Structure formats: C-alpha cells, structure tokens
Amino acid sequence: MTAPLPRTLAALRASGWKTRPVKDEVRENFLRMLRAGDELFPGIVGYDHTVIPEINIALLAGHDMLFLGEKGQAKSRLMRLLVRFLDEHLPYLDDPAIPLHDDPYAPITSAGRRLVATRPPEEVPIAWWPRAERYAERLAPGTKFADIIGEIDPAKLAGGTSMASEEALHLGLIPRMHRGIFAMNELPELDELVQVGMFNILEERDVQIRGYPVKFDIDVMLLFSANPSTYNRSGKVIPQLKDRIGAVIHTHYPADRDLGIRMVEQEAGIDVGGEWPVVVPYFMKQILEQVTIEARKSKFIDQQSGVSARFSIANYETVVASARQRAVRLGERPAVPRISDLGHLYSSSLGKLELDLMGSHQMTERQVLDAVVAAAIAAVFEEYVEAHGLDEIAKVFGQGVKIEVGDAVPSAAYAELVAEVPQVWEKAFEVNAAQDPAVRASCIEFVLAGLYATERISRIQSHGRTVYDTGGFR
C-alpha cells in the first residue's frame, strides 16, 4: 500500500523529498525510463532513427527546444509527451495568497517566503501538483504580454494594494507554470514585444512586469513549435530569441508509404468493427496514403504550407464511412471501400490543401484533387501490374465489354458484370485474395480505375455514373 503524501512542511522534510530544477527532474526520469527499456514516446511512428534521438539528446543536455516542421508532423504531440518525464506529483505551498506552485524549500514569491518564515514547519500546508497539470501551451497568434508574462492588476490597485507591491501583479501563464513545462505554438506569429519577454526568461530565467523591481526566478522548461517557411523568414523571430533556444528538432512526414499507413490506422477516429464491420483492402490503404504523397509533391499545391497527416486521416475516415453507408443501405456485411468511394474525398480534403497560385494556372481545388487522386491510383496500380500481370485484363475491353461502377452498386452486381470473362478477372482478385463479393467488387474497381489512370482503357462519367467503355485503348 502506497504511503500517504506529506501534508505539512515538517512531514515533507521527514520524508526525505529533495527539490531539483525541472530540467534535472526530466533528465533523471528520462534516464530511468531509458535504462528500464520503457517506451519513451508512445504513439509516435516513423521517428525512431531521426527525430527521437535528437529529442533524447536535448533532454539530457537540459535544453529548451524548438520543434521545426510543417503542419501535421506531430510537433504538438511530441511536446505534450514530454510531460511523462515529470514526477507523478510535485509538492507546493498550499496557501491562497501564493499565486503559483511555490517550492516549499525555495519559494520565489514574497507570500511564500513569508509563510515559511513565520509559521512552524508543522503548520505550513503542503499540497501536490499532478504531473498532467504541469504542462500548458498557447497558440501565438493573438497572444499578449499579459497573457503569458503578466500585468499590473487594476482591480487590486482599486482595492488599495500598492503598485509597489508584488501582490499588485497578475501573473501570466509562464510564471504560473513555474516548475513545469510551457509550450508556445507557431512562435513566428508571436508579437515582437512578447518575444522580448520570452527572451528574458530564456536568458535570465526571470520575469519583469512593467519595470516592477522584483524579479521572479522562474524554473520552467520552454518548448516552441514553428513552420520552417515562417521561422526562417527574416524579421519573424528576433535573433536574440533564436540564439537562446538550446535545440532545434526537425520533424518530417513519414519516410515511406507503409509508415504513413501505420500512422493513419493508429490515429483514425473511426471504429471498423461493430454491427457494420469494415474491411479495408490494403491496396485502398496504399492509394489513400499515395494521395497524400502525390499532394506533397504536386506543383499545384503550396508545399511551404505542407500537407498535414490529418489529410490522410480524414480521407481514410471518409472512405470507411462511405463504405459503411453503402453496406447499411444494401444490407451487405462486411463493408468494403472501393475506388468509387474516393469521390467523397472533396469534403475531407479541400479545406486541407492550399493551392500554389503561381503553379495552379487557374485550376480549381477540385481539379487539383482529381489530378492528385488519379496520379495516386496510377502509381499504386503500376506496382500491382508488375506483381500480378494485370495488363491482360485491358485486352478484354477491346472485345466489347462495358462495366458500370459506383458507390451505390451492390457488390453482387460486379460478379454478374464480369461473368463472361472469369478466367481473366481471377488475375484481378489476386490483388486482395478473397471470395467475399464486396472485396471482389473493390478489386474490380481498383483494376478498372488503374487501367484508366494508366491510359489503357476509356471511361465515361455522367451524373454520378462511371462506365468503363470499349473503344479499345485510349
């Protein structure tokens, strides 16, 4: 049974608890977990040999850190995960007159020092600050000096408090995170005056508000995030602040498609089980992630803005939802996503892409997305052609075969459509071996879309209908 936590200064001293700076606390807990072989950054995929080692070194070095990368590269998540290297609880002086979590052994406020000096240790109350509450973050746009540093409180002045008194101050987020971790997102968007205040904390570890003569010796780990396109732009971040940040951690998008798929499967907020289960063929996962890859290299999309991992996640969730809707309407189990479900990606994609106004040449967002999806289908299909020899199927379309597909067509209808050439279509089913009609329907759509995307057959789209036509090769 765990012993109760000390509730007085005398009991705290008797327990043997020792105070230490927050960065020492983080370092020692990190080393303990590293030595024990614990998972250090749960849920982070694809950074094992790049980003994580750099964070580890920065923690050991006791550095404040800037996470530099494009949107959707887990910068905020990485910062929040550093909380797990804090102690489970931290003692502080429990008195309403003290505006922050003051160290019982080394208080920095006048109220805290007065409490310890004027009352016997048996009467000095101690409370415990949980690990999860020792982290705070702020988004830079719109943040004022008073928000994160502090300000003179007019209400206290009106109540008779002297302006020369420490009690006249209203402390901002950073002083209130004394002995914790504070993160500032989108640093380049922070007002220059506030950057100067941050620089002072990094340099001197103190807070001065409107020239008030008393300094607060703040003990805090500072974290920042930024996009390279704005961080590296001259004048966005004052040089003195850049110079004081101990380590710059460069994040990146998944190095390969399979890593991206793993991340999407982990992060997607949609259940594929339940009353209407969903089976997602691997080639559909590959296409969805390839859509993101193609978007990240498209000349029509602003690459300085980036294409977030949330783009992949939202598209995956949309396709699964579309398949489930069809399954419920048609009474099919399991639900299996098809190429025709990609027609619903406009809703989940368009708000996450920023067009390059110079490169898009008046193309609409929908046209750009259509081009990106077509490129993704072609790229994945060519891999399967090499693996399964699907070129043979294209020859069938020179013999007068028409196939209509769509996200509302029952799976059983696909079997009827290709019944005349089963020996050829068996090659298609090698793509995702299964006898289930819904999986086979998905395979058929993939092969047809791939043949079209690689200019092997023709296609006609009209009023929500897609017909893969004869007419031979395009």
Protein backbone atom coordinates (compact mmCIF):
# COMPACT_ATOMS: atom_id res chain seq x y z
CA MET A 1 0.00 0.00 0.00
CA THR A 2 1.36 3.44 -1.02
CA ALA A 3 2.16 5.74 1.90
CA PRO A 4 0.11 8.97 2.06
CA LEU A 5 1.77 12.06 0.66
CA PRO A 6 3.12 14.53 3.24
CA ARG A 7 0.74 17.40 4.01
CA THR A 8 3.00 19.70 6.02
CA LEU A 9 6.46 21.09 5.51
CA ALA A 10 7.69 19.14 8.53
CA ALA A 11 6.35 15.87 7.11
CA LEU A 12 7.84 16.68 3.70
CA ARG A 13 11.27 17.18 5.23
CA ALA A 14 10.93 13.95 7.21
CA SER A 15 10.05 12.05 4.03
CA GLY A 16 13.45 12.82 2.53
CA TRP A 17 11.99 14.58 -0.54
CA LYS A 18 14.53 16.78 -2.29
CA THR A 19 13.91 19.72 -4.57
CA ARG A 20 15.51 19.83 -8.02
CA PRO A 21 15.17 22.02 -11.14
CA VAL A 22 12.53 20.87 -13.58
CA LYS A 23 15.11 20.03 -16.27
CA ASP A 24 17.04 17.86 -13.81
CA GLU A 25 13.79 16.14 -12.89
CA VAL A 26 13.03 15.47 -16.56
CA ARG A 27 16.58 14.26 -17.25
CA GLU A 28 16.65 11.83 -14.31
CA ASN A 29 13.23 10.36 -15.07
CA PHE A 30 14.17 10.06 -18.75
CA LEU A 31 17.38 8.20 -17.88
CA ARG A 32 15.47 5.86 -15.55
CA MET A 33 12.94 5.01 -18.28
CA LEU A 34 15.68 4.66 -20.90
CA ARG A 35 17.63 2.27 -18.69
CA ALA A 36 14.47 0.24 -17.97
CA GLY A 37 13.73 -0.10 -21.69
CA ASP A 38 10.37 1.70 -21.40
CA GLU A 39 8.66 3.06 -24.49
CA LEU A 40 9.69 6.70 -24.44
CA PHE A 41 7.31 8.26 -26.96
CA PRO A 42 4.22 6.04 -27.31
CA GLY A 43 2.14 6.57 -30.42
CA ILE A 44 4.91 8.26 -32.42
CA VAL A 45 5.50 6.46 -35.73
CA GLY A 46 8.45 6.87 -38.12
CA TYR A 47 10.76 8.98 -35.95
CA ASP A 48 12.78 6.22 -34.26
CA HIS A 49 16.02 6.96 -36.14
CA THR A 50 15.59 10.67 -36.86
CA VAL A 51 13.59 12.87 -34.51
CA ILE A 52 13.53 10.80 -31.30
CA PRO A 53 17.35 10.58 -30.91
CA GLU A 54 17.59 14.36 -31.22
CA ILE A 55 14.94 14.89 -28.55
CA ASN A 56 16.70 12.42 -26.26
CA ILE A 57 19.98 14.32 -26.55
CA ALA A 58 18.25 17.66 -25.94
CA LEU A 59 16.63 16.28 -22.77
CA LEU A 60 19.97 15.04 -21.49
CA ALA A 61 21.57 18.38 -22.33
CA GLY A 62 18.88 20.29 -20.45
CA HIS A 63 17.90 22.34 -23.49
CA ASP A 64 14.79 24.30 -24.26
CA MET A 65 13.57 23.06 -27.64
CA LEU A 66 12.05 24.30 -30.88
CA PHE A 67 10.16 21.74 -32.95
CA LEU A 68 10.54 22.86 -36.55
CA GLY A 69 8.39 21.27 -39.23
CA GLU A 70 5.36 21.57 -41.45
CA LYS A 71 1.83 21.08 -40.24
CA GLY A 72 0.71 17.60 -39.24
CA GLN A 73 4.16 16.31 -38.22
CA ALA A 74 3.28 15.58 -34.56
CA LYS A 75 5.08 18.64 -33.16
CA SER A 76 2.42 19.35 -30.53
CA ARG A 77 2.08 15.70 -29.63
CA LEU A 78 5.82 15.37 -29.08
CA MET A 79 5.83 18.42 -26.81
CA ARG A 80 2.91 17.07 -24.77
CA LEU A 81 4.60 13.68 -24.40
CA LEU A 82 7.49 15.28 -22.51
CA VAL A 83 5.11 15.52 -19.53
CA ARG A 84 5.64 11.80 -18.91
CA PHE A 85 9.21 12.57 -17.78
CA LEU A 86 7.95 14.67 -14.88
CA ASP A 87 7.40 13.24 -11.39
CA GLU A 88 3.92 11.89 -10.76
CA HIS A 89 3.29 14.60 -8.13
CA LEU A 90 5.18 17.70 -7.01
CA PRO A 91 4.77 19.37 -3.58
CA TYR A 92 3.97 23.06 -3.30
CA LEU A 93 2.98 25.57 -0.63
CA ASP A 94 -0.78 25.37 -0.25
CA ASP A 95 -1.89 28.92 0.51
CA PRO A 96 -4.41 31.04 -1.47
CA ALA A 97 -2.18 34.10 -1.12
CA ILE A 98 0.54 32.43 -3.19
CA PRO A 99 -0.20 32.92 -6.93
CA LEU A 100 1.85 29.96 -8.21
CA HIS A 101 3.06 26.49 -7.21
CA ASP A 102 5.87 27.66 -4.97
CA ASP A 103 8.68 25.31 -3.93
CA PRO A 104 8.32 24.57 -0.18
CA TYR A 105 12.12 24.58 0.17
CA ALA A 106 12.88 27.61 -2.03
CA PRO A 107 9.82 29.83 -2.55
CA ILE A 108 10.20 32.64 -5.08
CA THR A 109 7.19 34.75 -4.05
CA SER A 110 7.13 37.10 -1.09
CA ALA A 111 3.98 35.40 0.17
CA GLY A 112 5.67 32.01 0.03
CA ARG A 113 8.79 33.19 1.81
CA ARG A 114 6.67 34.90 4.45
CA LEU A 115 4.62 31.71 5.06
CA VAL A 116 7.74 29.57 5.57
CA ALA A 117 9.44 32.18 7.75
CA THR A 118 6.54 33.00 10.09
CA ARG A 119 4.92 29.61 10.77
CA PRO A 120 6.42 26.46 12.24
CA PRO A 121 7.02 23.64 9.72
CA GLU A 122 4.22 21.57 11.29
CA GLU A 123 1.74 24.31 10.33
CA VAL A 124 2.95 25.05 6.80
CA PRO A 125 0.42 23.29 4.50
CA ILE A 126 1.64 21.27 1.53
CA ALA A 127 -0.41 20.18 -1.50
CA TRP A 128 0.62 18.11 -4.52
CA TRP A 129 0.60 19.20 -8.16
CA PRO A 130 -0.27 16.30 -10.54
CA ARG A 131 2.02 15.61 -13.49
CA ALA A 132 -0.70 16.21 -16.10
CA GLU A 133 -1.35 19.74 -14.82
CA ARG A 134 2.29 20.80 -15.04
CA TYR A 135 2.10 21.42 -18.79
CA ALA A 136 0.49 24.39 -20.54
CA GLU A 137 0.60 25.58 -24.12
CA ARG A 138 -0.51 28.62 -26.03
CA LEU A 139 -1.07 29.44 -29.70
CA ALA A 140 0.98 32.51 -30.63
CA PRO A 141 -1.46 34.50 -32.83
CA GLY A 142 -3.30 37.00 -30.65
CA THR A 143 -1.22 36.27 -27.54
CA LYS A 144 -0.43 39.39 -25.49
CA PHE A 145 2.31 40.08 -22.96
CA ALA A 146 -0.21 39.96 -20.13
CA ASP A 147 -1.41 36.50 -21.22
CA ILE A 148 1.87 34.69 -20.75
CA ILE A 149 4.07 37.04 -18.69
CA GLY A 150 1.73 39.18 -16.60
CA GLU A 151 0.34 42.63 -15.92
CA ILE A 152 -0.44 45.10 -13.12
CA ASP A 153 -3.94 44.19 -11.87
CA PRO A 154 -6.16 47.35 -11.85
CA ALA A 155 -8.70 45.68 -9.56
CA LYS A 156 -6.06 45.14 -6.90
CA LEU A 157 -4.91 48.74 -7.20
CA ALA A 158 -8.51 49.90 -6.82
CA GLY A 159 -8.76 47.73 -3.70
CA GLY A 160 -5.91 49.63 -2.11
CA THR A 161 -2.94 47.41 -2.97
CA SER A 162 0.20 49.44 -3.52
CA MET A 163 1.59 49.47 -7.06
CA ALA A 164 4.99 48.86 -5.48
CA SER A 165 3.71 45.61 -4.00
CA GLU A 166 4.19 42.20 -5.54
CA GLU A 167 0.54 41.49 -4.74
CA ALA A 168 -0.48 44.08 -7.36
CA LEU A 169 0.71 41.79 -10.15
CA HIS A 170 -1.47 39.43 -12.16
CA LEU A 171 0.85 36.66 -13.33
CA GLY A 172 0.59 35.16 -16.79
CA LEU A 173 0.85 31.54 -17.92
CA ILE A 174 4.63 31.18 -17.76
CA PRO A 175 5.05 32.29 -14.14
CA ARG A 176 2.11 30.08 -13.21
CA MET A 177 3.93 27.16 -14.85
CA HIS A 178 6.91 27.68 -12.51
CA ARG A 179 8.40 24.18 -12.00
CA GLY A 180 6.56 22.87 -15.08
CA ILE A 181 6.65 22.91 -18.89
CA PHE A 182 5.31 25.69 -21.12
CA ALA A 183 4.93 25.39 -24.92
CA MET A 184 4.35 28.17 -27.45
CA ASN A 185 2.93 27.02 -30.78
CA GLU A 186 3.64 28.93 -34.02
CA LEU A 187 6.43 31.03 -32.49
CA PRO A 188 6.97 33.32 -35.55
CA GLU A 189 3.42 34.65 -35.14
CA LEU A 190 4.19 35.89 -31.62
CA ASP A 191 4.20 39.68 -31.17
CA GLU A 192 7.74 41.09 -31.00
CA LEU A 193 7.17 42.59 -27.56
CA VAL A 194 6.17 39.18 -26.22
CA GLN A 195 9.21 37.61 -27.91
CA VAL A 196 11.38 40.02 -25.93
CA GLY A 197 9.71 38.79 -22.74
CA MET A 198 10.35 35.18 -23.76
CA PHE A 199 13.97 36.04 -24.49
CA ASN A 200 14.33 37.46 -20.98
CA ILE A 201 13.04 34.22 -19.47
CA LEU A 202 15.40 32.13 -21.61
CA GLU A 203 18.36 34.35 -20.80
CA GLU A 204 17.87 35.29 -17.15
CA ARG A 205 15.13 32.87 -16.04
CA ASP A 206 13.23 35.77 -14.53
CA VAL A 207 10.07 37.74 -15.19
CA GLN A 208 9.82 41.53 -15.01
CA ILE A 209 6.43 43.18 -15.49
CA ARG A 210 6.24 46.86 -16.47
CA GLY A 211 9.58 47.58 -14.82
CA TYR A 212 8.44 46.21 -11.47
CA PRO A 213 11.71 45.91 -9.50
CA VAL A 214 11.17 42.42 -8.01
CA LYS A 215 12.30 39.53 -10.19
CA PHE A 216 10.73 36.09 -10.21
CA ASP A 217 13.34 33.39 -10.71
CA ILE A 218 11.22 31.14 -12.86
CA ASP A 219 12.10 27.45 -13.20
CA VAL A 220 10.42 26.30 -16.40
CA MET A 221 11.19 24.18 -19.46
CA LEU A 222 10.26 26.14 -22.58
CA LEU A 223 9.17 24.49 -25.82
CA PHE A 224 8.31 26.08 -29.15
CA SER A 225 6.93 24.97 -32.49
CA ALA A 226 7.21 26.64 -35.89
CA ASN A 227 6.86 26.10 -39.63
CA PRO A 228 10.20 26.44 -41.48
CA SER A 229 8.75 28.81 -44.08
CA THR A 230 7.88 31.40 -41.42
CA TYR A 231 10.61 30.68 -38.86
CA ASN A 232 13.35 31.23 -41.42
CA ARG A 233 11.80 34.41 -42.79
CA SER A 234 13.80 37.46 -41.80
CA GLY A 235 12.24 39.51 -39.02
CA LYS A 236 9.65 36.95 -37.89
CA VAL A 237 11.65 35.81 -34.85
CA ILE A 238 14.09 38.15 -33.10
CA PRO A 239 17.68 36.87 -33.44
CA GLN A 240 18.32 37.00 -29.69
CA LEU A 241 15.43 34.62 -29.05
CA LYS A 242 16.59 32.19 -31.76
CA ASP A 243 20.07 32.23 -30.27
CA ARG A 244 18.84 31.25 -26.79
CA ILE A 245 16.83 28.19 -27.84
CA GLY A 246 19.04 25.25 -26.96
CA ALA A 247 17.99 22.69 -29.59
CA VAL A 248 16.08 22.73 -32.88
CA ILE A 249 14.30 19.43 -33.55
CA HIS A 250 13.46 18.96 -37.23
CA THR A 251 10.32 16.90 -37.83
CA HIS A 252 9.25 15.36 -41.14
CA TYR A 253 6.50 13.44 -42.88
CA PRO A 254 6.60 9.60 -42.94
CA ALA A 255 9.64 8.38 -44.87
CA ASP A 256 7.66 5.72 -46.75
CA ARG A 257 4.07 4.80 -47.55
CA ASP A 258 3.80 1.85 -45.17
CA LEU A 259 4.79 4.08 -42.23
CA GLY A 260 2.11 6.55 -43.27
CA ILE A 261 -0.46 3.74 -43.35
CA ARG A 262 0.56 2.61 -39.87
CA MET A 263 0.12 6.14 -38.57
CA VAL A 264 -3.33 6.52 -40.16
CA GLU A 265 -4.53 3.19 -38.78
CA GLN A 266 -3.34 4.25 -35.33
CA GLU A 267 -4.83 7.74 -35.40
CA ALA A 268 -8.10 7.30 -37.31
CA GLY A 269 -11.01 8.03 -35.03
CA ILE A 270 -13.40 5.59 -36.64
CA ASP A 271 -14.15 2.06 -35.50
CA VAL A 272 -14.03 -0.57 -38.26
CA GLY A 273 -15.79 -3.16 -36.10
CA GLY A 274 -19.24 -3.18 -34.55
CA GLU A 275 -22.57 -4.10 -36.08
CA TRP A 276 -21.46 -3.00 -39.56
CA PRO A 277 -17.78 -4.02 -39.76
CA VAL A 278 -15.50 -2.60 -42.43
CA VAL A 279 -12.69 -4.46 -44.19
CA VAL A 280 -10.27 -2.12 -45.95
CA PRO A 281 -8.21 -3.86 -48.67
CA TYR A 282 -4.55 -2.99 -48.38
CA PHE A 283 -4.46 -1.54 -51.89
CA MET A 284 -7.09 1.01 -50.77
CA LYS A 285 -4.92 2.00 -47.83
CA GLN A 286 -1.99 2.32 -50.22
CA ILE A 287 -3.98 4.53 -52.58
CA LEU A 288 -5.19 6.80 -49.78
CA GLU A 289 -1.67 7.29 -48.46
CA GLN A 290 -0.36 7.72 -52.02
CA VAL A 291 -2.90 10.53 -52.48
CA THR A 292 -1.14 12.34 -49.64
CA ILE A 293 2.30 11.58 -51.11
CA GLU A 294 1.24 12.91 -54.52
CA ALA A 295 -0.23 16.03 -52.90
CA ARG A 296 3.08 16.66 -51.11
CA LYS A 297 4.93 16.79 -54.41
CA SER A 298 2.27 18.39 -56.61
CA LYS A 299 3.32 21.62 -58.29
CA PHE A 300 -0.27 22.82 -57.95
CA ILE A 301 -0.17 22.75 -54.14
CA ASP A 302 1.70 25.18 -51.90
CA GLN A 303 4.44 22.98 -50.45
CA GLN A 304 5.57 25.63 -47.98
CA SER A 305 2.22 25.23 -46.27
CA GLY A 306 2.59 21.45 -46.30
CA VAL A 307 0.04 18.64 -46.44
CA SER A 308 -0.82 17.53 -42.94
CA ALA A 309 -1.06 13.95 -41.71
CA ARG A 310 -4.63 14.96 -40.83
CA PHE A 311 -5.26 14.98 -44.59
CA SER A 312 -4.54 11.22 -44.70
CA ILE A 313 -6.51 10.51 -41.54
CA ALA A 314 -9.62 12.45 -42.61
CA ASN A 315 -9.60 10.82 -46.05
CA TYR A 316 -9.33 7.34 -44.54
CA GLU A 317 -12.23 8.08 -42.20
CA THR A 318 -14.32 9.42 -45.11
CA VAL A 319 -13.77 6.34 -47.27
CA VAL A 320 -14.59 3.98 -44.39
CA ALA A 321 -17.75 5.98 -43.65
CA SER A 322 -18.81 5.88 -47.31
CA ALA A 323 -18.36 2.10 -47.45
CA ARG A 324 -20.33 1.64 -44.23
CA GLN A 325 -23.18 3.79 -45.53
CA ARG A 326 -23.42 1.58 -48.64
CA ALA A 327 -23.31 -1.58 -46.54
CA VAL A 328 -26.17 -0.42 -44.34
CA ARG A 329 -28.32 0.64 -47.30
CA LEU A 330 -27.73 -2.59 -49.21
CA GLY A 331 -27.57 -4.92 -46.23
CA GLU A 332 -24.02 -6.07 -47.04
CA ARG A 333 -21.50 -7.33 -44.50
CA PRO A 334 -18.67 -6.55 -44.35
CA ALA A 335 -18.46 -3.06 -45.80
CA VAL A 336 -15.51 -2.76 -48.18
CA PRO A 337 -14.25 0.59 -49.52
CA ARG A 338 -13.92 0.94 -53.31
CA ILE A 339 -12.36 3.40 -55.72
CA SER A 340 -15.79 5.00 -56.23
CA ASP A 341 -15.77 5.95 -52.54
CA LEU A 342 -12.87 8.28 -53.34
CA GLY A 343 -15.46 10.54 -54.96
CA HIS A 344 -16.36 11.71 -51.45
CA LEU A 345 -12.86 12.98 -50.64
CA TYR A 346 -13.74 16.54 -51.62
CA SER A 347 -15.37 17.11 -48.23
CA SER A 348 -12.40 15.86 -46.22
CA SER A 349 -9.61 17.14 -48.47
CA LEU A 350 -10.29 20.55 -49.90
CA GLY A 351 -10.03 22.51 -46.68
CA LYS A 352 -6.62 20.96 -46.01
CA LEU A 353 -4.94 21.88 -49.31
CA GLU A 354 -3.63 25.30 -50.23
CA LEU A 355 -3.15 25.89 -53.92
CA ASP A 356 0.05 27.37 -55.30
CA LEU A 357 -1.32 30.44 -57.04
CA MET A 358 1.66 30.52 -59.41
CA GLY A 359 1.59 26.83 -60.29
CA SER A 360 -2.11 26.01 -60.37
CA HIS A 361 -2.81 28.03 -63.55
CA GLN A 362 -6.41 28.78 -62.59
CA MET A 363 -7.18 25.16 -61.75
CA THR A 364 -9.88 24.74 -59.13
CA GLU A 365 -9.29 22.85 -55.89
CA ARG A 366 -11.46 20.01 -57.18
CA GLN A 367 -9.45 19.74 -60.37
CA VAL A 368 -6.21 19.67 -58.42
CA LEU A 369 -7.55 16.96 -56.09
CA ASP A 370 -8.80 14.93 -59.06
CA ALA A 371 -5.33 15.09 -60.61
CA VAL A 372 -3.70 14.05 -57.34
CA VAL A 373 -6.09 11.10 -56.87
CA ALA A 374 -5.55 9.95 -60.47
CA ALA A 375 -1.78 10.08 -60.01
CA ALA A 376 -2.07 8.04 -56.80
CA ILE A 377 -4.20 5.35 -58.44
CA ALA A 378 -1.79 5.14 -61.37
CA ALA A 379 1.26 4.86 -59.10
CA VAL A 380 -0.20 2.06 -56.98
CA PHE A 381 -1.71 0.26 -59.95
CA GLU A 382 1.60 0.14 -61.80
CA GLU A 383 3.10 -1.68 -58.80
CA TYR A 384 0.34 -4.27 -58.96
CA VAL A 385 0.68 -4.64 -62.74
CA GLU A 386 4.30 -5.58 -62.19
CA ALA A 387 3.36 -8.03 -59.44
CA HIS A 388 0.24 -9.61 -60.95
CA GLY A 389 0.39 -9.10 -64.72
CA LEU A 390 -2.94 -7.24 -64.91
CA ASP A 391 -2.28 -5.98 -68.42
CA GLU A 392 -4.21 -9.00 -69.73
CA ILE A 393 -7.44 -7.55 -68.41
CA ALA A 394 -7.09 -4.47 -70.60
CA LYS A 395 -7.32 -6.66 -73.71
CA VAL A 396 -10.84 -7.71 -72.72
CA PHE A 397 -12.04 -4.17 -73.32
CA GLY A 398 -11.24 -4.45 -76.99
CA GLN A 399 -13.89 -7.18 -77.21
CA GLY A 400 -16.94 -5.08 -76.43
CA VAL A 401 -17.12 -5.19 -72.64
CA LYS A 402 -18.81 -2.35 -70.74
CA ILE A 403 -18.79 -2.15 -66.95
CA GLU A 404 -20.68 0.41 -64.90
CA VAL A 405 -19.48 1.02 -61.34
CA GLY A 406 -20.40 3.32 -58.48
CA ASP A 407 -20.50 3.68 -54.74
CA ALA A 408 -24.18 2.62 -54.68
CA VAL A 409 -23.85 -0.51 -56.86
CA PRO A 410 -24.39 -3.77 -54.90
CA SER A 411 -21.32 -5.97 -54.67
CA ALA A 412 -23.14 -8.91 -56.24
CA ALA A 413 -23.68 -6.88 -59.42
CA TYR A 414 -19.96 -6.80 -60.10
CA ALA A 415 -19.79 -10.58 -60.30
CA GLU A 416 -22.53 -10.54 -62.93
CA LEU A 417 -20.76 -7.81 -64.91
CA VAL A 418 -17.56 -9.81 -65.29
CA ALA A 419 -19.12 -13.27 -65.51
CA GLU A 420 -18.29 -13.52 -69.20
CA VAL A 421 -14.54 -13.39 -68.61
CA PRO A 422 -13.95 -15.07 -65.24
CA GLN A 423 -10.60 -16.57 -66.15
CA VAL A 424 -9.15 -13.12 -66.81
CA TRP A 425 -10.68 -11.49 -63.75
CA GLU A 426 -9.22 -14.10 -61.47
CA LYS A 427 -5.95 -12.25 -62.02
CA ALA A 428 -7.57 -9.14 -60.55
CA PHE A 429 -8.63 -10.97 -57.42
CA GLU A 430 -5.01 -11.84 -56.70
CA VAL A 431 -4.67 -8.17 -55.71
CA ASN A 432 -6.52 -8.90 -52.45
CA ALA A 433 -7.22 -12.62 -52.29
CA ALA A 434 -10.77 -13.20 -51.03
CA GLN A 435 -14.01 -14.83 -52.09
CA ASP A 436 -16.21 -12.20 -50.45
CA PRO A 437 -18.27 -10.36 -53.13
CA ALA A 438 -17.64 -6.94 -51.55
CA VAL A 439 -13.87 -7.43 -51.56
CA ARG A 440 -14.01 -8.66 -55.14
CA ALA A 441 -16.06 -5.62 -56.14
CA SER A 442 -13.38 -3.40 -54.64
CA CYS A 443 -10.69 -5.28 -56.57
CA ILE A 444 -12.62 -4.86 -59.83
CA GLU A 445 -12.96 -1.10 -59.33
CA PHE A 446 -9.27 -0.80 -58.49
CA VAL A 447 -8.22 -2.59 -61.65
CA LEU A 448 -10.62 -0.61 -63.84
CA ALA A 449 -9.55 2.71 -62.33
CA GLY A 450 -5.91 1.68 -62.66
CA LEU A 451 -6.30 0.75 -66.32
CA TYR A 452 -7.94 4.10 -66.96
CA ALA A 453 -5.37 6.08 -64.94
CA THR A 454 -2.55 4.45 -66.89
CA GLU A 455 -4.32 5.17 -70.20
CA ARG A 456 -5.10 1.57 -71.10
CA ILE A 457 -8.93 1.91 -71.36
CA SER A 458 -11.59 4.62 -71.71
CA ARG A 459 -14.03 5.96 -69.16
CA ILE A 460 -17.24 7.97 -69.28
CA GLN A 461 -18.59 9.77 -66.22
CA SER A 462 -22.05 11.31 -66.13
CA HIS A 463 -24.47 12.17 -63.33
CA GLY A 464 -22.71 10.04 -60.75
CA ARG A 465 -22.33 7.04 -63.09
CA THR A 466 -18.97 5.73 -64.24
CA VAL A 467 -18.82 3.44 -67.26
CA TYR A 468 -15.53 1.85 -68.30
CA ASP A 469 -16.13 1.65 -72.02
CA THR A 470 -14.94 -0.33 -75.01
CA GLY A 471 -13.28 1.66 -77.72
CA GLY A 472 -10.05 -0.20 -77.11
CA PHE A 473 -7.10 1.67 -75.71
CA ARG A 474 -7.10 5.42 -75.36
